[in-house]
N, C-alpha and C. Protein backbone atom coordinates (compact mmCIF):
# COMPACT_ATOMS: atom_id res chain seq x y z
N MET A 1 75.74 8.88 -17.39
CA MET A 1 75.13 7.80 -17.69
C MET A 1 73.67 7.46 -18.12
N ALA A 2 73.55 6.34 -18.79
CA ALA A 2 72.27 6.47 -19.61
C ALA A 2 71.51 6.27 -19.22
N ARG A 3 70.28 6.89 -19.86
CA ARG A 3 69.09 6.48 -19.54
C ARG A 3 68.36 5.16 -19.76
N SER A 4 67.84 4.26 -19.51
CA SER A 4 66.69 3.49 -19.63
C SER A 4 65.70 4.13 -20.16
N VAL A 5 65.12 4.78 -19.54
CA VAL A 5 64.08 5.61 -20.20
C VAL A 5 64.07 6.21 -21.24
N SER A 6 63.48 5.79 -22.71
CA SER A 6 63.55 6.44 -23.99
C SER A 6 63.80 7.58 -24.00
N ASP A 7 64.67 8.63 -24.74
CA ASP A 7 64.22 10.04 -25.13
C ASP A 7 62.92 10.10 -25.99
N TYR A 8 62.82 9.36 -26.78
CA TYR A 8 61.15 9.37 -26.76
C TYR A 8 60.53 9.96 -25.82
N CYS A 9 60.67 9.48 -24.45
CA CYS A 9 59.67 9.13 -23.25
C CYS A 9 59.36 10.58 -22.60
N LEU A 10 60.61 10.94 -22.36
CA LEU A 10 60.70 12.47 -21.84
C LEU A 10 60.45 13.56 -22.79
N LYS A 11 60.53 13.07 -24.13
CA LYS A 11 60.64 14.24 -25.20
C LYS A 11 59.24 14.14 -25.53
N THR A 12 58.35 13.05 -25.04
CA THR A 12 56.84 12.89 -24.75
C THR A 12 56.24 13.65 -23.61
N ILE A 13 56.55 14.21 -22.45
CA ILE A 13 56.61 14.68 -21.59
C ILE A 13 56.56 15.94 -21.26
N ASP A 14 57.90 15.88 -22.22
CA ASP A 14 58.51 17.32 -22.40
C ASP A 14 57.32 18.27 -23.32
N LEU A 15 57.45 17.74 -24.21
CA LEU A 15 56.38 18.20 -25.36
C LEU A 15 55.08 18.70 -24.70
N PHE A 16 54.54 18.24 -24.11
CA PHE A 16 53.01 18.20 -24.03
C PHE A 16 53.47 19.16 -22.74
N LEU A 17 53.91 19.28 -21.47
CA LEU A 17 54.30 20.32 -20.84
C LEU A 17 54.38 21.35 -21.22
N LEU A 18 54.90 21.64 -22.10
CA LEU A 18 55.44 22.98 -23.16
C LEU A 18 54.11 23.74 -24.15
N SER A 19 53.41 22.06 -24.33
CA SER A 19 51.99 22.74 -24.73
C SER A 19 50.99 23.68 -24.85
N ASP A 20 49.86 24.02 -25.56
CA ASP A 20 49.48 24.51 -24.45
C ASP A 20 47.93 23.85 -24.14
N ARG A 21 48.01 22.98 -24.19
CA ARG A 21 47.26 22.04 -23.85
C ARG A 21 47.27 21.29 -21.81
N ALA A 22 48.60 21.67 -21.49
CA ALA A 22 48.77 21.79 -20.44
C ALA A 22 48.23 23.23 -19.54
N PRO A 23 48.13 22.46 -18.47
CA PRO A 23 47.55 24.30 -17.70
C PRO A 23 49.18 25.06 -17.46
N GLU A 24 48.76 26.22 -17.43
CA GLU A 24 49.52 27.35 -17.44
C GLU A 24 50.46 27.05 -16.39
N ASN A 25 50.52 26.79 -15.26
CA ASN A 25 51.15 26.39 -13.92
C ASN A 25 51.63 24.56 -13.49
N SER A 26 51.55 24.04 -14.69
CA SER A 26 52.44 22.83 -14.99
C SER A 26 53.93 22.95 -15.26
N MET A 27 54.19 22.30 -14.72
CA MET A 27 55.87 21.93 -13.89
C MET A 27 56.26 21.56 -15.48
N GLY A 28 57.58 22.01 -15.25
CA GLY A 28 58.59 21.39 -16.84
C GLY A 28 58.76 19.90 -16.50
N LEU A 29 59.59 19.61 -17.51
CA LEU A 29 60.56 18.24 -17.39
C LEU A 29 61.35 18.30 -16.00
N SER A 30 62.05 19.24 -16.15
CA SER A 30 63.30 19.23 -14.94
C SER A 30 62.69 19.30 -13.33
N ASP A 31 61.52 20.03 -13.58
CA ASP A 31 60.61 19.87 -12.04
C ASP A 31 60.14 19.04 -11.87
N LEU A 32 59.61 18.64 -13.03
CA LEU A 32 58.68 17.25 -12.61
C LEU A 32 59.85 16.03 -12.09
N ASP A 33 61.06 16.08 -12.81
CA ASP A 33 62.31 14.93 -12.29
C ASP A 33 62.42 14.90 -10.74
N GLY A 34 62.54 16.63 -10.39
CA GLY A 34 62.99 16.86 -9.05
C GLY A 34 61.73 16.64 -8.01
N PHE A 35 60.44 16.75 -8.86
CA PHE A 35 59.56 16.64 -7.89
C PHE A 35 58.85 14.89 -7.38
N LEU A 36 58.91 14.17 -8.82
CA LEU A 36 58.94 12.61 -9.01
C LEU A 36 59.84 12.15 -7.92
N THR A 37 61.38 12.94 -7.82
CA THR A 37 62.77 11.63 -7.42
C THR A 37 62.15 12.57 -5.74
N GLY A 38 61.77 13.42 -5.04
CA GLY A 38 60.97 13.53 -4.10
C GLY A 38 59.84 12.72 -3.41
N VAL A 39 59.09 12.74 -4.49
CA VAL A 39 58.18 11.42 -3.96
C VAL A 39 58.66 10.08 -3.49
N VAL A 40 59.52 9.77 -4.70
CA VAL A 40 59.92 8.63 -4.10
C VAL A 40 60.95 8.56 -3.36
N ILE A 41 61.81 8.86 -2.98
CA ILE A 41 62.86 8.77 -1.28
C ILE A 41 62.10 9.40 -0.51
N GLY A 42 61.09 10.08 -0.31
CA GLY A 42 60.69 10.66 0.69
C GLY A 42 59.82 9.62 2.13
N PRO A 43 59.66 10.02 3.02
CA PRO A 43 59.49 9.36 4.19
C PRO A 43 58.65 8.75 4.36
N LYS A 44 57.53 8.75 2.96
CA LYS A 44 56.43 8.00 3.49
C LYS A 44 55.94 8.02 2.00
N LEU A 45 55.40 7.02 1.43
CA LEU A 45 54.23 6.30 0.01
C LEU A 45 53.62 7.78 -0.19
N ILE A 46 53.51 8.19 -1.12
CA ILE A 46 52.25 8.99 -1.15
C ILE A 46 51.75 8.73 -2.75
N MET A 47 50.42 9.02 -2.65
CA MET A 47 49.74 8.38 -3.58
C MET A 47 49.84 8.80 -5.16
N PRO A 48 49.96 8.36 -6.28
CA PRO A 48 49.72 8.74 -7.18
C PRO A 48 48.53 9.62 -7.25
N SER A 49 47.05 9.61 -6.62
CA SER A 49 46.23 10.04 -7.13
C SER A 49 46.40 11.46 -5.97
N VAL A 50 47.33 11.65 -5.16
CA VAL A 50 47.76 12.72 -4.43
C VAL A 50 48.67 14.07 -5.30
N TRP A 51 49.69 13.50 -6.24
CA TRP A 51 50.56 13.72 -6.43
C TRP A 51 50.48 14.31 -8.03
N LEU A 52 50.21 13.45 -8.55
CA LEU A 52 49.79 13.61 -9.96
C LEU A 52 48.98 14.82 -10.23
N PRO A 53 48.14 15.55 -9.32
CA PRO A 53 47.41 16.85 -9.72
C PRO A 53 48.62 17.93 -9.66
N GLU A 54 49.78 18.15 -9.03
CA GLU A 54 50.50 18.34 -8.51
C GLU A 54 51.49 18.73 -9.50
N ILE A 55 51.33 17.67 -10.80
CA ILE A 55 52.28 17.89 -12.01
C ILE A 55 51.51 19.22 -12.68
N TRP A 56 50.19 19.02 -13.03
CA TRP A 56 49.54 20.30 -13.11
C TRP A 56 49.10 21.60 -12.92
N GLY A 57 49.37 21.87 -11.52
CA GLY A 57 48.95 23.10 -10.81
C GLY A 57 47.86 22.86 -10.20
N ASN A 58 47.81 21.54 -9.99
CA ASN A 58 46.15 21.51 -9.95
C ASN A 58 45.03 21.98 -10.78
N GLU A 59 45.55 21.86 -12.04
CA GLU A 59 44.14 22.25 -13.34
C GLU A 59 44.22 20.77 -13.85
N SER A 60 43.50 20.71 -14.90
CA SER A 60 43.33 19.45 -15.69
C SER A 60 43.91 19.85 -16.78
N PRO A 61 44.72 18.75 -17.37
CA PRO A 61 44.72 18.95 -18.39
C PRO A 61 44.18 18.70 -19.62
N ASN A 62 44.13 19.31 -21.01
CA ASN A 62 43.27 19.47 -21.85
C ASN A 62 43.99 18.36 -22.59
N PHE A 63 44.23 16.92 -22.82
CA PHE A 63 44.30 16.63 -23.54
C PHE A 63 43.30 16.43 -24.68
N LYS A 64 44.24 16.11 -26.05
CA LYS A 64 43.31 16.44 -27.11
C LYS A 64 42.86 15.02 -27.21
N ASN A 65 43.15 14.04 -27.07
CA ASN A 65 41.56 12.54 -27.27
C ASN A 65 42.30 11.47 -25.98
N THR A 66 42.20 10.76 -26.10
CA THR A 66 42.38 9.37 -25.06
C THR A 66 43.52 9.09 -25.30
N LYS A 67 44.01 8.84 -25.86
CA LYS A 67 45.38 8.29 -26.95
C LYS A 67 46.43 9.20 -26.05
N GLU A 68 46.46 10.58 -26.23
CA GLU A 68 47.47 11.32 -25.80
C GLU A 68 48.07 10.94 -24.44
N ALA A 69 46.13 11.08 -23.55
CA ALA A 69 46.10 10.98 -22.04
C ALA A 69 46.77 9.73 -22.12
N GLN A 70 46.85 8.44 -22.69
CA GLN A 70 47.76 7.91 -22.35
C GLN A 70 48.98 7.39 -22.85
N THR A 71 49.35 7.96 -23.36
CA THR A 71 50.76 8.25 -23.81
C THR A 71 51.23 9.24 -22.77
N VAL A 72 50.97 10.24 -22.79
CA VAL A 72 51.58 11.22 -21.57
C VAL A 72 51.81 10.60 -20.12
N MET A 73 50.57 9.84 -19.51
CA MET A 73 50.59 9.32 -18.24
C MET A 73 51.41 8.48 -18.03
N SER A 74 51.42 7.42 -19.48
CA SER A 74 52.10 6.11 -19.16
C SER A 74 53.70 6.96 -19.22
N ALA A 75 54.00 8.12 -20.30
CA ALA A 75 55.25 8.32 -19.64
C ALA A 75 55.53 9.02 -18.33
N ILE A 76 54.71 9.38 -17.52
CA ILE A 76 55.12 10.09 -16.50
C ILE A 76 55.45 8.98 -15.49
N MET A 77 54.50 8.00 -15.80
CA MET A 77 54.46 6.61 -15.02
C MET A 77 55.82 5.86 -15.17
N GLU A 78 56.30 6.35 -16.67
CA GLU A 78 57.54 5.32 -16.38
C GLU A 78 58.51 5.97 -16.25
N ARG A 79 58.93 7.62 -15.90
CA ARG A 79 59.74 7.99 -15.46
C ARG A 79 60.21 7.90 -14.18
N TYR A 80 58.74 7.88 -13.05
CA TYR A 80 58.55 7.14 -11.88
C TYR A 80 58.98 5.94 -11.43
N ASN A 81 58.47 5.46 -12.65
CA ASN A 81 59.60 3.65 -12.43
C ASN A 81 60.52 3.84 -12.71
N GLU A 82 61.39 4.52 -13.03
CA GLU A 82 62.63 4.42 -13.37
C GLU A 82 63.42 5.06 -12.46
N ILE A 83 62.78 5.96 -11.67
CA ILE A 83 63.51 6.79 -10.62
C ILE A 83 63.28 5.47 -9.32
N ILE A 84 62.04 5.05 -9.55
CA ILE A 84 61.93 3.84 -8.32
C ILE A 84 63.27 2.85 -8.55
N ARG A 85 63.65 2.38 -10.17
CA ARG A 85 63.99 1.33 -9.97
C ARG A 85 65.18 1.56 -9.47
N GLY A 86 66.00 3.03 -10.09
CA GLY A 86 67.39 3.26 -9.43
C GLY A 86 67.57 3.27 -8.28
N PHE A 87 66.75 3.38 -7.43
CA PHE A 87 66.85 3.68 -5.92
C PHE A 87 67.23 2.57 -5.42
N GLN A 88 66.37 1.38 -6.09
CA GLN A 88 66.43 0.27 -5.60
C GLN A 88 67.52 -0.57 -6.20
N GLU A 89 67.96 -0.16 -6.72
CA GLU A 89 69.56 -1.23 -7.19
C GLU A 89 70.61 -1.05 -5.98
N THR A 90 71.74 -2.05 -6.45
CA THR A 90 72.42 -1.91 -5.22
C THR A 90 74.17 -1.72 -6.57
N PRO A 91 74.95 -0.67 -6.36
CA PRO A 91 74.15 -0.16 -5.60
C PRO A 91 73.42 1.48 -6.08
N PRO A 92 72.48 1.64 -5.32
CA PRO A 92 71.35 2.85 -5.78
C PRO A 92 72.03 3.91 -7.12
N HIS A 93 71.39 4.61 -8.40
CA HIS A 93 71.63 5.13 -9.05
C HIS A 93 71.06 6.14 -9.19
N PHE A 94 70.78 7.32 -9.68
CA PHE A 94 70.41 8.30 -9.05
C PHE A 94 70.75 9.18 -10.89
N ASP A 95 70.09 9.31 -11.69
CA ASP A 95 70.29 9.95 -12.86
C ASP A 95 69.25 11.22 -13.59
N PRO A 96 69.03 12.39 -12.48
CA PRO A 96 68.70 13.99 -12.60
C PRO A 96 68.41 14.14 -14.21
N VAL A 97 67.36 15.19 -14.41
CA VAL A 97 67.13 15.57 -15.68
C VAL A 97 67.58 16.89 -15.41
N PHE A 98 68.85 17.65 -15.51
CA PHE A 98 68.72 18.80 -15.26
C PHE A 98 68.36 19.37 -16.97
N TRP A 99 68.05 20.62 -16.37
CA TRP A 99 68.19 21.60 -17.98
C TRP A 99 69.80 21.87 -18.13
N GLU A 100 70.33 21.90 -19.86
CA GLU A 100 72.07 22.34 -19.91
C GLU A 100 71.84 23.10 -20.65
N THR A 101 72.60 24.04 -20.71
CA THR A 101 72.29 25.21 -21.92
C THR A 101 73.36 24.76 -23.13
N LYS A 102 72.79 25.76 -24.14
CA LYS A 102 73.93 25.26 -25.31
C LYS A 102 75.54 25.09 -25.15
N ASP A 103 75.75 26.10 -24.16
CA ASP A 103 77.21 26.14 -23.86
C ASP A 103 78.19 24.98 -22.53
N GLY A 104 76.59 24.27 -22.46
CA GLY A 104 77.28 23.14 -21.57
C GLY A 104 77.16 23.43 -19.67
N LEU A 105 76.45 24.63 -20.08
CA LEU A 105 76.15 24.94 -18.20
C LEU A 105 75.02 24.46 -17.42
N ILE A 106 75.11 23.71 -16.71
CA ILE A 106 74.18 22.98 -16.17
C ILE A 106 73.33 23.64 -14.93
N ILE A 107 71.73 23.54 -14.93
CA ILE A 107 71.12 24.44 -14.77
C ILE A 107 70.11 23.14 -13.88
N ALA A 108 70.43 23.83 -12.13
CA ALA A 108 69.87 22.52 -11.62
C ALA A 108 68.64 23.62 -10.49
N ALA A 109 68.12 24.28 -10.84
CA ALA A 109 67.50 25.26 -9.93
C ALA A 109 65.85 24.62 -10.50
N ASP A 110 65.86 24.62 -11.24
CA ASP A 110 64.02 24.14 -11.64
C ASP A 110 63.55 22.54 -10.92
N TRP A 111 65.06 21.86 -11.30
CA TRP A 111 64.76 20.41 -10.59
C TRP A 111 64.76 20.33 -8.97
N ALA A 112 65.65 21.24 -8.40
CA ALA A 112 65.08 21.58 -7.08
C ALA A 112 63.92 21.97 -6.70
N GLU A 113 63.66 22.86 -7.75
CA GLU A 113 62.26 23.28 -6.77
C GLU A 113 60.89 22.49 -6.60
N GLY A 114 61.39 21.45 -8.18
CA GLY A 114 59.91 20.13 -7.85
C GLY A 114 60.14 18.92 -6.75
N PHE A 115 61.85 19.17 -6.38
CA PHE A 115 62.14 18.17 -5.25
C PHE A 115 61.39 18.98 -3.82
N ASN A 116 61.30 20.34 -3.82
CA ASN A 116 61.13 21.41 -2.63
C ASN A 116 59.48 21.25 -2.61
N ASP A 117 58.96 21.17 -3.98
CA ASP A 117 57.03 20.76 -3.82
C ASP A 117 56.90 19.85 -3.69
N ALA A 118 57.74 18.46 -3.54
CA ALA A 118 57.73 17.28 -2.96
C ALA A 118 57.65 16.85 -1.14
N ILE A 119 58.35 18.02 -1.26
CA ILE A 119 58.60 17.81 0.79
C ILE A 119 57.07 18.42 0.77
N GLU A 120 57.16 19.62 0.21
CA GLU A 120 55.96 20.25 1.09
C GLU A 120 54.16 19.47 0.35
N LEU A 121 54.24 18.81 -0.08
CA LEU A 121 53.16 17.88 -0.19
C LEU A 121 52.50 17.45 1.47
N HIS A 122 53.96 16.82 2.01
CA HIS A 122 53.49 16.05 3.21
C HIS A 122 55.15 17.27 4.13
N ARG A 123 54.61 18.57 4.79
CA ARG A 123 56.51 19.20 4.77
C ARG A 123 56.36 18.14 6.32
N SER A 124 55.34 18.33 7.02
CA SER A 124 55.47 17.54 8.53
C SER A 124 56.10 16.20 8.56
N SER A 125 56.09 15.18 7.18
CA SER A 125 56.75 14.00 7.78
C SER A 125 58.01 13.91 7.40
N TRP A 126 58.74 15.16 6.43
CA TRP A 126 60.13 15.11 6.43
C TRP A 126 60.30 16.39 7.50
N GLN A 127 60.13 16.21 8.64
CA GLN A 127 60.71 17.33 9.57
C GLN A 127 61.65 16.78 10.05
N SER A 128 62.05 15.49 10.38
CA SER A 128 62.54 15.13 11.15
C SER A 128 64.44 15.26 10.42
N LEU A 129 64.31 15.28 9.41
CA LEU A 129 65.73 15.78 8.44
C LEU A 129 65.47 16.69 8.34
N TYR A 130 64.75 17.68 8.96
CA TYR A 130 65.24 19.20 8.75
C TYR A 130 65.76 19.41 10.63
N ASP A 131 65.13 18.51 11.30
CA ASP A 131 65.55 18.68 12.78
C ASP A 131 67.25 17.84 13.05
N ASP A 132 67.84 17.19 11.99
CA ASP A 132 68.85 16.67 12.16
C ASP A 132 69.92 17.32 11.43
N LYS A 133 70.72 17.53 12.07
CA LYS A 133 71.88 18.67 12.20
C LYS A 133 73.07 18.14 10.32
N ARG A 134 73.02 16.50 10.34
CA ARG A 134 73.37 16.46 9.22
C ARG A 134 72.03 16.29 7.84
N GLY A 135 71.01 16.06 8.10
CA GLY A 135 69.96 15.88 7.33
C GLY A 135 69.77 17.70 7.03
N LEU A 136 70.21 18.71 7.71
CA LEU A 136 69.67 20.14 7.21
C LEU A 136 70.91 20.32 5.99
N GLN A 137 71.97 19.61 6.70
CA GLN A 137 73.30 20.02 5.51
C GLN A 137 72.89 19.48 4.09
N LEU A 138 72.09 17.95 4.14
CA LEU A 138 71.76 17.54 3.11
C LEU A 138 70.82 18.36 2.62
N LEU A 139 69.96 18.81 3.01
CA LEU A 139 69.55 20.04 1.99
C LEU A 139 69.93 21.09 1.04
N ASN A 140 70.92 21.53 2.18
CA ASN A 140 71.50 22.62 1.47
C ASN A 140 71.84 22.87 0.19
N PRO A 141 71.88 21.94 -0.46
CA PRO A 141 72.04 22.06 -2.29
C PRO A 141 70.69 22.43 -2.98
N ILE A 142 69.32 22.29 -1.90
CA ILE A 142 68.14 22.28 -3.24
C ILE A 142 68.11 23.18 -1.93
N ILE A 143 68.43 24.14 -1.17
CA ILE A 143 67.35 25.37 -0.45
C ILE A 143 68.19 25.93 -1.05
N VAL A 144 69.94 26.45 -1.43
CA VAL A 144 70.52 26.86 -1.91
C VAL A 144 69.64 27.19 -3.69
N LEU A 145 69.51 26.38 -4.12
CA LEU A 145 68.73 26.63 -5.73
C LEU A 145 67.54 26.83 -5.86
N CYS A 146 67.00 26.57 -4.88
CA CYS A 146 65.55 26.90 -4.69
C CYS A 146 65.34 28.72 -3.95
N GLY A 147 67.23 29.05 -3.94
CA GLY A 147 67.11 30.91 -3.67
C GLY A 147 65.75 31.51 -2.22
N LYS A 148 66.23 29.90 -1.70
CA LYS A 148 65.28 30.39 -0.23
C LYS A 148 66.53 30.42 1.00
N GLN A 149 67.65 30.54 0.77
CA GLN A 149 68.86 30.96 1.55
C GLN A 149 68.55 32.64 2.40
N ASN A 150 68.58 33.27 1.20
CA ASN A 150 68.71 34.57 1.47
C ASN A 150 69.64 34.94 2.48
N ARG A 151 70.80 34.96 2.59
CA ARG A 151 71.45 35.65 3.36
C ARG A 151 72.97 36.37 2.58
N PHE A 152 72.85 36.04 1.38
CA PHE A 152 73.68 36.61 0.43
C PHE A 152 73.54 37.69 -0.12
N ARG A 153 74.78 38.31 0.38
CA ARG A 153 74.45 39.78 -0.17
C ARG A 153 75.65 40.40 -1.26
N ASP A 154 76.57 39.25 -1.52
CA ASP A 154 77.68 39.07 -2.28
C ASP A 154 77.05 37.96 -3.42
N ARG A 155 76.62 38.75 -4.65
CA ARG A 155 76.23 38.41 -6.09
C ARG A 155 77.53 37.14 -6.44
N GLU A 156 78.97 37.53 -5.59
CA GLU A 156 79.76 36.56 -6.82
C GLU A 156 79.74 35.10 -5.65
N LEU A 157 79.75 35.29 -4.69
CA LEU A 157 79.49 34.02 -3.63
C LEU A 157 78.43 32.98 -3.87
N GLU A 158 77.38 34.06 -3.85
CA GLU A 158 75.72 33.89 -4.17
C GLU A 158 76.03 32.57 -5.55
N ALA A 159 76.85 32.91 -6.75
CA ALA A 159 77.02 32.28 -7.52
C ALA A 159 77.63 31.50 -7.63
N GLN A 160 78.96 31.34 -6.89
CA GLN A 160 79.94 30.08 -6.47
C GLN A 160 78.75 29.21 -5.75
N LEU A 161 78.11 29.77 -4.80
CA LEU A 161 77.61 28.34 -3.63
C LEU A 161 76.44 28.22 -5.06
N MET A 162 75.57 28.47 -5.70
CA MET A 162 74.81 28.17 -6.96
C MET A 162 75.62 26.91 -7.91
N ALA A 163 76.31 26.76 -8.28
CA ALA A 163 77.55 26.03 -9.29
C ALA A 163 77.58 24.80 -8.28
N GLU A 164 78.22 25.24 -7.15
CA GLU A 164 78.77 24.25 -6.34
C GLU A 164 77.08 23.27 -6.20
N ALA A 165 76.20 23.97 -5.63
CA ALA A 165 74.85 22.91 -5.15
C ALA A 165 74.64 22.46 -6.36
N ALA A 166 74.69 22.98 -7.68
CA ALA A 166 74.31 21.51 -8.75
C ALA A 166 75.14 20.29 -8.63
N ASP A 167 76.35 21.02 -8.42
CA ASP A 167 77.54 19.59 -8.66
C ASP A 167 77.20 18.71 -7.59
N GLU A 168 77.12 19.25 -6.55
CA GLU A 168 77.01 18.72 -4.71
C GLU A 168 75.52 17.91 -4.35
N LEU A 169 73.86 18.05 -5.99
CA LEU A 169 72.74 17.62 -5.59
C LEU A 169 73.19 15.93 -5.65
N PRO A 170 73.42 15.85 -6.58
CA PRO A 170 73.20 14.46 -6.55
C PRO A 170 73.64 13.42 -5.48
N ALA A 171 74.91 13.69 -4.76
CA ALA A 171 75.36 13.01 -3.60
C ALA A 171 74.43 13.48 -2.41
N SER A 172 73.95 14.51 -2.48
CA SER A 172 72.93 15.16 -1.68
C SER A 172 71.49 14.08 -1.54
N VAL A 173 71.31 14.20 -2.52
CA VAL A 173 69.77 13.64 -3.08
C VAL A 173 70.33 11.66 -2.51
N MET A 174 71.49 11.30 -3.23
CA MET A 174 71.90 10.13 -2.43
C MET A 174 71.91 9.55 -0.74
N ALA A 175 72.11 10.54 -0.26
CA ALA A 175 72.36 10.97 1.36
C ALA A 175 70.65 10.70 1.83
N ILE A 176 70.28 11.97 1.34
CA ILE A 176 68.50 11.96 1.82
C ILE A 176 67.60 10.68 1.34
N HIS A 177 68.74 9.82 0.39
CA HIS A 177 67.45 8.66 0.06
C HIS A 177 67.68 7.70 1.00
N GLU A 178 69.37 7.38 1.88
CA GLU A 178 69.82 6.71 2.54
C GLU A 178 69.35 6.89 4.00
N PHE A 179 69.30 8.31 4.37
CA PHE A 179 68.32 8.93 5.50
C PHE A 179 66.99 8.47 5.51
N TRP A 180 66.58 8.03 4.75
CA TRP A 180 65.08 7.65 4.71
C TRP A 180 64.59 6.52 5.07
N ALA A 181 65.86 5.70 4.12
CA ALA A 181 65.66 4.38 3.61
C ALA A 181 65.26 3.58 5.69
N SER A 182 66.39 3.76 6.09
CA SER A 182 65.90 3.08 7.27
C SER A 182 65.02 3.95 8.44
N ARG A 183 64.25 5.15 7.86
CA ARG A 183 63.44 5.89 8.65
C ARG A 183 61.76 5.61 7.92
N ARG A 184 61.84 5.13 6.91
CA ARG A 184 60.38 5.18 6.40
C ARG A 184 58.91 6.04 7.37
N LEU A 185 58.10 6.20 7.57
CA LEU A 185 56.75 5.87 8.02
C LEU A 185 56.39 4.77 7.80
N PRO A 186 55.51 4.13 8.34
CA PRO A 186 54.61 3.45 7.66
C PRO A 186 53.26 3.68 7.03
N GLU A 187 52.62 3.03 5.91
CA GLU A 187 51.56 3.79 5.55
C GLU A 187 51.04 3.38 5.56
């Protein structure tokens, strides 16, 4: 699916996050995309003043000037708004930014870690999803990709589950969005 956010916008974010001006514990582009998705579809509105510091690992980025700060922050907000628009469309759509190797292998673990970071911002507000049997199943791809399952001794089985989790992730995220759409907590 083609993105409406320009490649330039995503490249701007990626280049800054990889630069030495971004704090060492900053998210990468895929982490950021998962994080923003979790913030957007979660159970309650989280203001940018709460989630923006998380992108930088709660440190301050060292922008070289005001123009760079405006460009990077605008690009982040544009991606955030694009995710919102995608989930507001009928039918909703979801176009995650996953890493891809040169040989076409999709790597979704960083994205899942970012999504999990969004959950951890207000973990208690996500509890009803964890308490719901189907809701917990929806989280399985994220749990597996984050390496939080800790129950597999068989490396082949673990690799298979990882591969399936990446494929199942988009459908799970759409279903999590639907779960919260009717249960959104008041602001």
